[in-house]
Amino acid sequence: MERDETLCHCMDVTKGEVEDAIKEKNLTTVEQVQEETEAGTGCGACIEDIEDVLKEVSG
């Protein structure tokens, strides 16, 4: 998934926005990402994608 692709369609949040929030705020959980970006707070279908981005960013 590219940075400009929509990760959360319900809240219209891109992968890049999630990556940036994780890096800037040192987020480590899906719940923290949800609070910061609102991604994953609609239908929840993107929770697995958020987990994947967390793993990518944290190495």
N, C-alpha and C. Protein backbone atom coordinates (compact mmCIF):
# COMPACT_ATOMS: atom_id res chain seq x y z
N MET A 1 0.85 -1.18 0.00
CA MET A 1 0.00 0.00 0.00
C MET A 1 0.89 1.25 0.00
N GLU A 2 0.58 2.17 -0.88
CA GLU A 2 1.33 3.42 -0.99
C GLU A 2 0.85 4.42 0.05
N ARG A 3 1.70 5.40 0.37
CA ARG A 3 1.38 6.42 1.38
C ARG A 3 0.10 7.19 1.08
N ASP A 4 -0.17 7.41 -0.21
CA ASP A 4 -1.33 8.23 -0.56
C ASP A 4 -2.62 7.42 -0.72
N GLU A 5 -2.54 6.12 -0.52
CA GLU A 5 -3.74 5.28 -0.61
C GLU A 5 -4.56 5.39 0.66
N THR A 6 -5.88 5.35 0.50
CA THR A 6 -6.77 5.43 1.65
C THR A 6 -6.71 4.12 2.43
N LEU A 7 -6.34 4.22 3.69
CA LEU A 7 -6.28 3.06 4.57
C LEU A 7 -7.64 2.87 5.24
N CYS A 8 -8.24 3.96 5.70
CA CYS A 8 -9.55 3.92 6.35
C CYS A 8 -10.55 4.68 5.49
N HIS A 9 -11.44 3.93 4.85
CA HIS A 9 -12.41 4.55 3.95
C HIS A 9 -13.52 5.27 4.72
N CYS A 10 -13.89 4.78 5.87
CA CYS A 10 -14.96 5.42 6.65
C CYS A 10 -14.58 6.84 7.05
N MET A 11 -13.32 7.01 7.48
CA MET A 11 -12.87 8.30 7.99
C MET A 11 -11.95 9.03 7.00
N ASP A 12 -11.74 8.42 5.82
CA ASP A 12 -10.92 9.01 4.76
C ASP A 12 -9.52 9.37 5.25
N VAL A 13 -8.83 8.36 5.80
CA VAL A 13 -7.48 8.53 6.33
C VAL A 13 -6.52 7.71 5.47
N THR A 14 -5.42 8.33 5.03
CA THR A 14 -4.45 7.64 4.19
C THR A 14 -3.42 6.89 5.04
N LYS A 15 -2.72 5.99 4.39
CA LYS A 15 -1.64 5.27 5.06
C LYS A 15 -0.58 6.26 5.53
N GLY A 16 -0.28 7.26 4.72
CA GLY A 16 0.72 8.25 5.09
C GLY A 16 0.35 9.03 6.34
N GLU A 17 -0.92 9.35 6.47
CA GLU A 17 -1.38 10.06 7.68
C GLU A 17 -1.19 9.20 8.92
N VAL A 18 -1.46 7.91 8.79
CA VAL A 18 -1.27 6.99 9.91
C VAL A 18 0.22 6.87 10.23
N GLU A 19 1.05 6.69 9.20
CA GLU A 19 2.50 6.59 9.42
C GLU A 19 3.03 7.84 10.12
N ASP A 20 2.63 9.00 9.65
CA ASP A 20 3.12 10.25 10.23
C ASP A 20 2.71 10.38 11.68
N ALA A 21 1.47 10.04 11.99
CA ALA A 21 0.99 10.12 13.37
C ALA A 21 1.78 9.18 14.28
N ILE A 22 2.04 7.96 13.79
CA ILE A 22 2.80 6.99 14.58
C ILE A 22 4.19 7.54 14.88
N LYS A 23 4.85 8.08 13.86
CA LYS A 23 6.21 8.60 14.03
C LYS A 23 6.26 9.84 14.91
N GLU A 24 5.35 10.79 14.65
CA GLU A 24 5.38 12.07 15.36
C GLU A 24 4.97 11.95 16.82
N LYS A 25 4.03 11.05 17.10
CA LYS A 25 3.48 10.93 18.46
C LYS A 25 3.99 9.69 19.20
N ASN A 26 4.88 8.92 18.54
CA ASN A 26 5.39 7.67 19.13
C ASN A 26 4.26 6.73 19.55
N LEU A 27 3.30 6.55 18.65
CA LEU A 27 2.17 5.68 18.94
C LEU A 27 2.58 4.22 18.84
N THR A 28 2.01 3.39 19.70
CA THR A 28 2.39 1.98 19.72
C THR A 28 1.21 1.03 19.66
N THR A 29 -0.02 1.55 19.75
CA THR A 29 -1.20 0.67 19.73
C THR A 29 -2.22 1.17 18.73
N VAL A 30 -3.09 0.26 18.32
CA VAL A 30 -4.19 0.61 17.42
C VAL A 30 -5.07 1.67 18.07
N GLU A 31 -5.31 1.53 19.36
CA GLU A 31 -6.16 2.47 20.07
C GLU A 31 -5.59 3.89 20.02
N GLN A 32 -4.28 4.02 20.17
CA GLN A 32 -3.64 5.33 20.09
C GLN A 32 -3.78 5.91 18.69
N VAL A 33 -3.62 5.07 17.67
CA VAL A 33 -3.79 5.53 16.29
C VAL A 33 -5.23 5.98 16.07
N GLN A 34 -6.18 5.23 16.61
CA GLN A 34 -7.59 5.60 16.47
C GLN A 34 -7.86 6.97 17.10
N GLU A 35 -7.34 7.19 18.29
CA GLU A 35 -7.54 8.47 18.98
C GLU A 35 -6.94 9.63 18.20
N GLU A 36 -5.77 9.41 17.63
CA GLU A 36 -5.04 10.48 16.95
C GLU A 36 -5.58 10.78 15.56
N THR A 37 -5.98 9.72 14.81
CA THR A 37 -6.34 9.90 13.40
C THR A 37 -7.80 9.61 13.08
N GLU A 38 -8.51 8.96 13.98
CA GLU A 38 -9.87 8.46 13.78
C GLU A 38 -9.94 7.25 12.85
N ALA A 39 -8.81 6.84 12.29
CA ALA A 39 -8.78 5.63 11.45
C ALA A 39 -9.19 4.43 12.31
N GLY A 40 -10.04 3.58 11.74
CA GLY A 40 -10.47 2.38 12.44
C GLY A 40 -11.61 2.59 13.41
N THR A 41 -12.17 3.79 13.45
CA THR A 41 -13.24 4.05 14.40
C THR A 41 -14.63 3.94 13.77
N GLY A 42 -14.67 3.65 12.48
CA GLY A 42 -15.96 3.47 11.80
C GLY A 42 -16.34 2.01 11.84
N CYS A 43 -16.23 1.34 10.71
CA CYS A 43 -16.64 -0.07 10.63
C CYS A 43 -15.59 -1.02 11.21
N GLY A 44 -14.34 -0.56 11.29
CA GLY A 44 -13.28 -1.40 11.86
C GLY A 44 -12.59 -2.32 10.87
N ALA A 45 -12.96 -2.27 9.61
CA ALA A 45 -12.37 -3.17 8.62
C ALA A 45 -10.87 -2.93 8.41
N CYS A 46 -10.38 -1.75 8.77
CA CYS A 46 -8.97 -1.42 8.53
C CYS A 46 -8.07 -1.66 9.74
N ILE A 47 -8.60 -2.24 10.80
CA ILE A 47 -7.81 -2.46 12.02
C ILE A 47 -6.55 -3.28 11.69
N GLU A 48 -6.70 -4.32 10.89
CA GLU A 48 -5.55 -5.15 10.53
C GLU A 48 -4.51 -4.34 9.76
N ASP A 49 -4.97 -3.45 8.89
CA ASP A 49 -4.05 -2.59 8.14
C ASP A 49 -3.31 -1.63 9.08
N ILE A 50 -4.01 -1.11 10.07
CA ILE A 50 -3.37 -0.24 11.06
C ILE A 50 -2.30 -1.02 11.82
N GLU A 51 -2.60 -2.25 12.20
CA GLU A 51 -1.62 -3.10 12.88
C GLU A 51 -0.40 -3.32 12.00
N ASP A 52 -0.62 -3.54 10.71
CA ASP A 52 0.49 -3.74 9.77
C ASP A 52 1.37 -2.50 9.68
N VAL A 53 0.75 -1.32 9.63
CA VAL A 53 1.53 -0.07 9.55
C VAL A 53 2.31 0.13 10.84
N LEU A 54 1.71 -0.16 11.97
CA LEU A 54 2.42 -0.06 13.25
C LEU A 54 3.67 -0.94 13.24
N LYS A 55 3.55 -2.16 12.74
CA LYS A 55 4.67 -3.10 12.66
C LYS A 55 5.74 -2.57 11.70
N GLU A 56 5.32 -2.04 10.54
CA GLU A 56 6.26 -1.50 9.55
C GLU A 56 7.06 -0.35 10.15
N VAL A 57 6.38 0.58 10.79
CA VAL A 57 7.03 1.78 11.30
C VAL A 57 7.95 1.45 12.48
N SER A 58 7.51 0.56 13.36
CA SER A 58 8.31 0.26 14.54
C SER A 58 9.41 -0.77 14.28
N GLY A 59 9.41 -1.31 13.06
CA GLY A 59 10.47 -2.22 12.68
C GLY A 59 10.21 -3.61 13.16
